[in-house]
């Protein structure tokens, strides 16, 4: 069975997790843009 315990989280841990999330979303955004650009370029070349 699960337990419900209060977890202590420091301000530094929250800041580190926030920075990691922002980095992840930035990489995801640029990866998606690169994929879309590649698909558009392929569509133009093949048509």
Protein backbone atom coordinates (compact mmCIF):
# COMPACT_ATOMS: atom_id res chain seq x y z
CA UNK A 1 0.00 0.00 0.00
CA UNK A 2 1.10 3.54 -0.63
CA UNK A 3 1.91 6.04 2.04
CA UNK A 4 1.08 9.70 2.19
CA UNK A 5 4.08 11.52 3.59
CA UNK A 6 4.88 15.19 3.29
CA UNK A 7 8.02 15.71 1.27
CA UNK A 8 10.41 18.49 2.16
CA UNK A 9 11.68 20.35 -0.90
CA UNK A 10 14.25 23.11 -0.72
CA UNK A 11 14.15 26.28 -2.76
CA UNK A 12 17.34 25.19 -4.55
CA UNK A 13 15.72 21.93 -5.66
CA UNK A 14 12.73 23.79 -7.06
CA UNK A 15 14.99 26.22 -8.93
CA UNK A 16 17.06 23.34 -10.33
CA UNK A 17 13.95 21.48 -11.49
CA UNK A 18 12.55 24.65 -13.06
CA UNK A 19 15.81 25.29 -14.93
CA UNK A 20 15.87 21.70 -16.16
CA UNK A 21 12.26 21.95 -17.37
CA UNK A 22 12.97 25.21 -19.21
CA UNK A 23 15.98 23.63 -20.90
CA UNK A 24 13.93 20.61 -21.91
CA UNK A 25 11.15 22.73 -23.39
CA UNK A 26 13.67 24.90 -25.26
CA UNK A 27 15.33 21.84 -26.83
CA UNK A 28 11.92 20.37 -27.65
CA UNK A 29 10.80 23.59 -29.34
CA UNK A 30 13.87 23.84 -31.55
CA UNK A 31 13.74 20.13 -32.39
CA UNK A 32 10.11 20.48 -33.49
CA UNK A 33 10.97 23.51 -35.62
CA UNK A 34 13.83 21.59 -37.26
CA UNK A 35 11.60 18.59 -37.97
CA UNK A 36 8.88 20.77 -39.51
CA UNK A 37 11.43 22.62 -41.63
CA UNK A 38 12.86 19.30 -42.83
CA UNK A 39 9.42 18.02 -43.78
CA UNK A 40 8.56 21.21 -45.66
CA UNK A 41 11.88 21.08 -47.50
CA UNK A 42 11.31 17.44 -48.45
CA UNK A 43 7.80 18.26 -49.67
CA UNK A 44 9.13 21.08 -51.85
CA UNK A 45 11.91 18.91 -53.29
CA UNK A 46 9.63 15.98 -54.04
CA UNK A 47 6.89 18.03 -55.71
